Amino acid sequence: MLKKGDTLFNTRTGRRVRIPRLVRMHAAEMEDIGEAYAGDICAVFGVDCASGDTFVAEKELQLSMESIYVPEPVISMSIRTKENKDTDNFSKAIARFSREDPTFHVHYDNDNKEMIASGMGELHLEIYAQRMEREYNCPVVLGKPKVAFRESLLAPCEFDYLHKKQHGGSGQYGRVIGYMEPLPPDQNTQILFQDDTVGTNVPKTFVPAIEKGFRMMCEKGCLTGHRIAGVRFRLVDGDHHIVDSQELSFILAAQGAVRQVYEYGGWHILEPIMNVEITAPVECRALCGWKFEEFRLLLWIWLRCAWVLG
C-alpha cells in the first residue's frame, strides 16, 4: 500500500523521495486520494525519475523491475533554436525530454557541427518541438541533417614546402619533403602518417609537430570544407635551422604541404555508404525490384520462407 507522505527509494540512484501528492487518473480528470493499493493505477507529483525506474519502501531491497524494450530511432532531423538566447532553455528541455522518453535522443554531430534529434517518426519530433516552444518558450527549427561527405586524394602527389618567416629576432623555419597518397578502398575512413626520414635534416623531435599539422588540416579540407579521409602522409626529407626552427614552424610547414597537394593534386568527394535491409512480402518482389532499379540500388535478394529480404 502507498500513502500520501510516504518515503520511497529509487533503486537506480539510491535517492530517497517523498510522495507529496497522490491522485487517481480518469481520462483528463484527476482525483486526489490518500492511499493506493496493489493493482491501482495512480500518479504522483514532485518525483524526479526516469523511464524504467523502480521504487521500493526499504533501501536494503535490491529489486528492480525488468526494463522495457526501447526500439531504435527510425528518423533523425537537425534541430536548432531560432534565437541564440534560448540556448539554456533548449538544454533544459532536451535533458528533461530525454529522461522522460527513452526513444527520444539528441546528440551533437561533430562532422557537420549541428544538433541531431532522433525519434520514432516525424510527428514524434514535431510534438517535442511544439512542447519546447510551449513549455520552455524556446522556438526551434527542424530540418534535414547535412550529409557528412569526405575529401580524398585520387593519385599520389609530391610536396616540397618551405615555411620561412623572419621578423626582428628569431624567425620561423621549417621544410618538409614527401608525398601524399590515397589508401586502399578498405581503409578510406582512415588518415595515416608515416615517417620515412633518414638522417638529421628533420630532427626526430619535430616529427610529432609535422604529424600534428597534417592532422589539423585533415579536420577541414580545402575543397568543400569537409574532413579529409583515406590518405597517407609520407615524410621523406626536409630541412631545419639551428636557431629559427621550432615546433610551430613545422606545424605550419605541414599545413602548407597539404595546401600544396590540394593545388597540384587531384581530389574527389566521398559519399557515405549505408547498409539497408528491406523486408517485403514475396508477392511484392516484382514491384520492389522495379523500385530498386529506379533508385539504382545494388541488392542481393534472398528468399526465406516466402519473405524477400534485401
Protein backbone atom coordinates (compact mmCIF):
# COMPACT_ATOMS: atom_id res chain seq x y z
CA MET A 1 0.00 0.00 0.00
CA LEU A 2 1.22 3.51 -0.87
CA LYS A 3 0.12 6.50 1.19
CA LYS A 4 0.44 10.21 0.70
CA GLY A 5 3.59 11.38 2.51
CA ASP A 6 5.35 8.00 2.33
CA THR A 7 9.08 7.82 1.63
CA LEU A 8 10.40 5.64 -1.18
CA PHE A 9 13.88 4.81 -2.53
CA ASN A 10 14.96 4.82 -6.18
CA THR A 11 16.85 1.56 -6.76
CA ARG A 12 18.76 3.04 -9.71
CA THR A 13 20.09 6.16 -7.99
CA GLY A 14 19.68 5.21 -4.32
CA ARG A 15 18.00 8.55 -3.63
CA ARG A 16 15.15 8.94 -1.15
CA VAL A 17 11.97 10.63 -2.39
CA ARG A 18 8.81 11.69 -0.59
CA ILE A 19 5.33 11.37 -2.10
CA PRO A 20 3.72 14.82 -1.62
CA ARG A 21 0.59 14.14 -3.69
CA LEU A 22 -1.23 11.04 -4.86
CA VAL A 23 -4.00 11.08 -7.49
CA ARG A 24 -6.16 8.63 -9.41
CA MET A 25 -6.39 9.35 -13.14
CA HIS A 26 -9.58 9.03 -15.15
CA ALA A 27 -9.15 10.34 -18.71
CA ALA A 28 -8.30 14.04 -18.30
CA GLU A 29 -9.63 14.20 -14.73
CA MET A 30 -7.59 13.78 -11.54
CA GLU A 31 -8.94 12.67 -8.18
CA ASP A 32 -6.82 13.23 -5.07
CA ILE A 33 -6.59 10.12 -2.92
CA GLY A 34 -4.88 9.37 0.36
CA GLU A 35 -3.68 5.85 -0.40
CA ALA A 36 -3.39 3.35 -3.25
CA TYR A 37 -3.39 -0.45 -3.14
CA ALA A 38 -1.80 -3.16 -5.26
CA GLY A 39 -3.30 -3.13 -8.74
CA ASP A 40 -4.40 0.52 -8.60
CA ILE A 41 -3.28 2.87 -11.36
CA CYS A 42 -2.31 6.21 -9.87
CA ALA A 43 0.03 9.14 -10.41
CA VAL A 44 2.40 11.00 -8.09
CA PHE A 45 3.81 14.52 -8.25
CA GLY A 46 7.20 16.01 -7.43
CA VAL A 47 9.24 12.83 -8.02
CA ASP A 48 12.45 13.13 -10.06
CA CYS A 49 12.82 9.92 -12.05
CA ALA A 50 13.47 8.45 -15.48
CA SER A 51 11.55 5.92 -17.55
CA GLY A 52 12.03 2.41 -16.18
CA ASP A 53 12.95 3.42 -12.61
CA THR A 54 11.83 1.21 -9.72
CA PHE A 55 10.91 2.49 -6.22
CA VAL A 56 10.92 0.41 -3.04
CA ALA A 57 9.86 1.12 0.54
CA GLU A 58 13.08 -0.21 2.11
CA LYS A 59 16.51 0.94 0.99
CA GLU A 60 18.04 -2.50 1.57
CA LEU A 61 15.78 -4.11 -1.05
CA GLN A 62 17.89 -4.51 -4.20
CA LEU A 63 14.93 -5.07 -6.51
CA SER A 64 14.34 -3.68 -9.96
CA MET A 65 11.61 -4.28 -12.50
CA GLU A 66 12.66 -5.68 -15.85
CA SER A 67 13.50 -2.81 -18.21
CA ILE A 68 11.08 -2.07 -21.02
CA TYR A 69 12.00 -2.72 -24.64
CA VAL A 70 13.22 0.51 -26.23
CA PRO A 71 13.20 0.40 -30.05
CA GLU A 72 15.89 2.14 -32.05
CA PRO A 73 15.00 5.55 -33.54
CA VAL A 74 13.73 5.43 -37.12
CA ILE A 75 14.20 9.06 -38.16
CA SER A 76 16.72 11.83 -37.46
CA MET A 77 16.40 15.56 -38.09
CA SER A 78 18.58 18.57 -37.40
CA ILE A 79 17.32 20.81 -34.61
CA ARG A 80 18.37 24.31 -33.59
CA THR A 81 16.97 27.27 -31.69
CA LYS A 82 15.59 30.26 -33.60
CA GLU A 83 17.31 32.63 -31.17
CA ASN A 84 20.75 32.18 -29.62
CA LYS A 85 19.46 33.49 -26.29
CA ASP A 86 17.28 30.38 -25.89
CA THR A 87 20.26 28.00 -25.60
CA ASP A 88 19.86 27.49 -21.85
CA ASN A 89 16.14 26.68 -22.09
CA PHE A 90 16.89 24.38 -25.02
CA SER A 91 19.40 22.41 -22.93
CA LYS A 92 16.92 22.09 -20.07
CA ALA A 93 14.19 20.85 -22.39
CA ILE A 94 16.46 18.29 -24.05
CA ALA A 95 17.63 16.96 -20.67
CA ARG A 96 14.07 16.58 -19.39
CA PHE A 97 12.53 15.05 -22.52
CA SER A 98 15.42 12.60 -22.98
CA ARG A 99 14.97 11.43 -19.40
CA GLU A 100 11.21 11.04 -19.79
CA ASP A 101 11.23 9.35 -23.20
CA PRO A 102 13.97 6.76 -23.91
CA THR A 103 13.06 6.75 -27.64
CA PHE A 104 13.95 10.45 -27.96
CA HIS A 105 17.67 11.10 -28.48
CA VAL A 106 19.61 14.29 -29.16
CA HIS A 107 23.32 14.42 -29.93
CA TYR A 108 25.83 16.82 -31.47
CA ASP A 109 27.23 15.87 -34.89
CA ASN A 110 30.89 16.89 -34.86
CA ASP A 111 31.25 16.39 -38.62
CA ASN A 112 28.52 18.82 -39.63
CA LYS A 113 28.51 20.99 -36.48
CA GLU A 114 24.78 20.62 -35.79
CA MET A 115 22.41 19.06 -33.25
CA ILE A 116 20.59 15.91 -34.37
CA ALA A 117 17.30 14.79 -32.83
CA SER A 118 16.20 11.18 -33.35
CA GLY A 119 12.82 9.61 -32.64
CA MET A 120 10.09 7.25 -33.77
CA GLY A 121 8.75 9.47 -36.54
CA GLU A 122 8.46 12.99 -37.88
CA LEU A 123 5.30 13.60 -35.83
CA HIS A 124 7.14 12.44 -32.70
CA LEU A 125 9.85 15.07 -33.21
CA GLU A 126 7.37 17.79 -34.13
CA ILE A 127 5.46 17.22 -30.88
CA TYR A 128 8.62 17.76 -28.85
CA ALA A 129 9.42 20.87 -30.89
CA GLN A 130 5.97 22.25 -30.02
CA ARG A 131 6.45 21.36 -26.34
CA MET A 132 9.76 23.22 -26.25
CA GLU A 133 8.04 26.34 -27.52
CA ARG A 134 5.00 25.94 -25.26
CA GLU A 135 6.66 24.82 -22.01
CA TYR A 136 10.10 26.43 -22.25
CA ASN A 137 9.42 29.43 -24.51
CA CYS A 138 12.12 28.08 -26.84
CA PRO A 139 11.08 28.01 -30.52
CA VAL A 140 13.15 25.53 -32.54
CA VAL A 141 13.62 24.73 -36.22
CA LEU A 142 13.62 21.15 -37.52
CA GLY A 143 15.29 20.35 -40.84
CA LYS A 144 17.11 17.78 -42.90
CA PRO A 145 20.51 16.69 -41.49
CA LYS A 146 23.57 17.61 -43.52
CA VAL A 147 25.42 14.83 -45.31
CA ALA A 148 28.87 14.05 -43.90
CA PHE A 149 30.99 13.94 -47.06
CA ARG A 150 34.74 13.28 -47.08
CA GLU A 151 37.54 14.62 -49.27
CA SER A 152 40.12 12.17 -50.60
CA LEU A 153 43.07 12.05 -52.96
CA LEU A 154 42.85 10.39 -56.38
CA ALA A 155 46.55 9.70 -57.01
CA PRO A 156 49.88 10.16 -55.19
CA CYS A 157 51.18 13.72 -55.22
CA GLU A 158 54.57 15.02 -54.10
CA PHE A 159 55.14 18.09 -51.95
CA ASP A 160 58.15 20.23 -51.12
CA TYR A 161 57.14 23.10 -48.88
CA LEU A 162 59.34 25.63 -47.09
CA HIS A 163 57.91 27.74 -44.31
CA LYS A 164 60.21 30.69 -43.67
CA LYS A 165 59.42 33.83 -41.73
CA GLN A 166 61.76 36.47 -40.35
CA HIS A 167 60.69 39.30 -38.08
CA GLY A 168 63.25 41.09 -35.95
CA GLY A 169 64.50 38.45 -33.53
CA SER A 170 64.36 34.71 -34.02
CA GLY A 171 62.27 33.72 -37.03
CA GLN A 172 60.48 30.58 -38.21
CA TYR A 173 62.00 27.96 -40.49
CA GLY A 174 60.78 24.53 -41.44
CA ARG A 175 60.87 22.49 -44.64
CA VAL A 176 59.06 19.22 -45.36
CA ILE A 177 59.50 16.98 -48.41
CA GLY A 178 57.49 13.87 -49.25
CA TYR A 179 54.22 12.87 -50.84
CA MET A 180 50.60 12.11 -50.03
CA GLU A 181 48.90 9.04 -51.43
CA PRO A 182 45.40 7.54 -51.34
CA LEU A 183 44.72 4.49 -49.19
CA PRO A 184 43.04 1.27 -50.43
CA PRO A 185 39.23 1.30 -50.51
CA ASP A 186 39.01 -0.77 -47.32
CA GLN A 187 40.93 1.98 -45.48
CA ASN A 188 39.19 5.02 -46.93
CA THR A 189 37.99 6.13 -43.49
CA GLN A 190 41.50 6.43 -42.05
CA ILE A 191 44.25 9.06 -42.17
CA LEU A 192 47.80 7.80 -41.68
CA PHE A 193 51.15 9.48 -41.08
CA GLN A 194 54.43 7.75 -41.92
CA ASP A 195 57.93 8.96 -41.11
CA ASP A 196 60.45 7.74 -43.74
CA THR A 197 63.18 10.26 -42.97
CA VAL A 198 66.83 9.21 -42.71
CA GLY A 199 69.48 11.39 -41.12
CA THR A 200 69.16 14.62 -39.18
CA ASN A 201 67.74 17.03 -41.77
CA VAL A 202 64.47 16.80 -39.85
CA PRO A 203 65.21 16.17 -36.16
CA LYS A 204 63.01 13.47 -34.66
CA THR A 205 61.80 15.94 -32.03
CA PHE A 206 59.96 17.86 -34.79
CA VAL A 207 58.26 14.83 -36.41
CA PRO A 208 55.29 14.88 -33.96
CA ALA A 209 54.76 18.57 -34.82
CA ILE A 210 54.61 17.69 -38.54
CA GLU A 211 52.06 14.97 -37.83
CA LYS A 212 50.05 17.40 -35.72
CA GLY A 213 49.96 19.96 -38.53
CA PHE A 214 48.85 17.30 -41.02
CA ARG A 215 46.03 16.04 -38.79
CA MET A 216 44.88 19.59 -38.08
CA MET A 217 44.46 20.13 -41.82
CA CYS A 218 42.50 16.88 -42.09
CA GLU A 219 39.76 18.35 -39.88
CA LYS A 220 38.70 20.71 -42.66
CA GLY A 221 39.69 20.17 -46.28
CA CYS A 222 40.26 22.92 -48.83
CA LEU A 223 37.86 21.53 -51.45
CA THR A 224 34.45 21.73 -49.77
CA GLY A 225 35.34 22.17 -46.10
CA HIS A 226 34.65 18.54 -45.14
CA ARG A 227 37.12 16.26 -43.40
CA ILE A 228 39.93 14.53 -45.26
CA ALA A 229 39.88 10.72 -45.24
CA GLY A 230 41.62 7.82 -46.94
CA VAL A 231 45.08 9.41 -47.33
CA ARG A 232 48.61 8.73 -46.09
CA PHE A 233 51.17 11.48 -45.43
CA ARG A 234 54.72 10.20 -46.09
CA LEU A 235 57.52 12.39 -44.77
CA VAL A 236 60.70 11.65 -46.75
CA ASP A 237 63.04 14.57 -46.10
CA GLY A 238 63.16 18.20 -45.09
CA ASP A 239 65.35 20.84 -43.54
CA HIS A 240 65.68 22.84 -40.34
CA HIS A 241 67.56 25.83 -38.95
CA ILE A 242 69.60 25.55 -35.79
CA VAL A 243 68.08 28.76 -34.37
CA ASP A 244 64.82 29.53 -36.16
CA SER A 245 63.27 26.05 -36.24
CA GLN A 246 60.72 25.22 -33.55
CA GLU A 247 57.55 23.17 -33.20
CA LEU A 248 55.29 25.88 -34.65
CA SER A 249 57.47 26.17 -37.76
CA PHE A 250 56.97 22.52 -38.68
CA ILE A 251 53.25 22.59 -37.84
CA LEU A 252 52.81 25.43 -40.34
CA ALA A 253 55.11 23.68 -42.84
CA ALA A 254 52.97 20.51 -42.73
CA GLN A 255 49.80 22.56 -43.23
CA GLY A 256 51.40 24.33 -46.18
CA ALA A 257 52.39 20.97 -47.66
CA VAL A 258 48.76 19.78 -47.56
CA ARG A 259 47.63 23.01 -49.27
CA GLN A 260 50.30 22.43 -51.91
CA VAL A 261 48.92 18.95 -52.58
CA TYR A 262 45.46 20.49 -52.95
CA GLU A 263 46.88 22.86 -55.55
CA TYR A 264 48.74 20.29 -57.65
CA GLY A 265 46.95 17.02 -56.87
CA GLY A 266 43.59 15.57 -57.88
CA TRP A 267 40.85 15.35 -55.25
CA HIS A 268 37.32 13.99 -55.13
CA ILE A 269 34.36 13.78 -52.76
CA LEU A 270 33.44 10.56 -50.96
CA GLU A 271 29.76 9.97 -50.20
CA PRO A 272 28.63 7.94 -47.17
CA ILE A 273 27.69 4.30 -47.78
CA MET A 274 24.96 2.69 -45.70
CA ASN A 275 23.72 -0.86 -45.26
CA VAL A 276 19.96 -1.09 -45.80
CA GLU A 277 17.74 -4.09 -45.09
CA ILE A 278 14.30 -4.18 -46.72
CA THR A 279 11.60 -6.70 -45.79
CA ALA A 280 8.61 -7.24 -48.08
CA PRO A 281 6.03 -9.99 -48.88
CA VAL A 282 7.02 -12.33 -51.69
CA GLU A 283 4.14 -11.15 -53.90
CA CYS A 284 5.68 -7.66 -53.91
CA ARG A 285 9.04 -8.86 -55.22
CA ALA A 286 8.49 -7.58 -58.74
CA LEU A 287 7.32 -4.16 -57.56
CA CYS A 288 10.21 -3.88 -55.10
CA GLY A 289 12.71 -4.88 -57.77
CA TRP A 290 11.40 -2.16 -60.06
CA LYS A 291 11.70 0.41 -57.28
CA PHE A 292 15.22 -0.75 -56.51
CA GLU A 293 16.26 -0.24 -60.12
CA GLU A 294 14.61 3.18 -60.12
CA PHE A 295 16.83 4.31 -57.27
CA ARG A 296 19.86 2.50 -58.73
CA LEU A 297 20.39 0.28 -55.71
CA LEU A 298 22.65 -2.76 -55.82
CA LEU A 299 20.86 -5.51 -53.93
CA TRP A 300 21.27 -9.15 -53.19
CA ILE A 301 17.91 -10.81 -52.62
CA TRP A 302 17.46 -13.95 -50.59
CA LEU A 303 14.21 -15.86 -50.48
CA ARG A 304 13.46 -17.05 -46.95
CA CYS A 305 10.19 -18.68 -46.05
CA ALA A 306 8.02 -16.72 -48.50
CA TRP A 307 9.64 -13.39 -47.49
CA VAL A 308 12.02 -11.32 -49.58
CA LEU A 309 15.00 -9.90 -47.71
CA GLY A 310 17.24 -7.36 -49.44
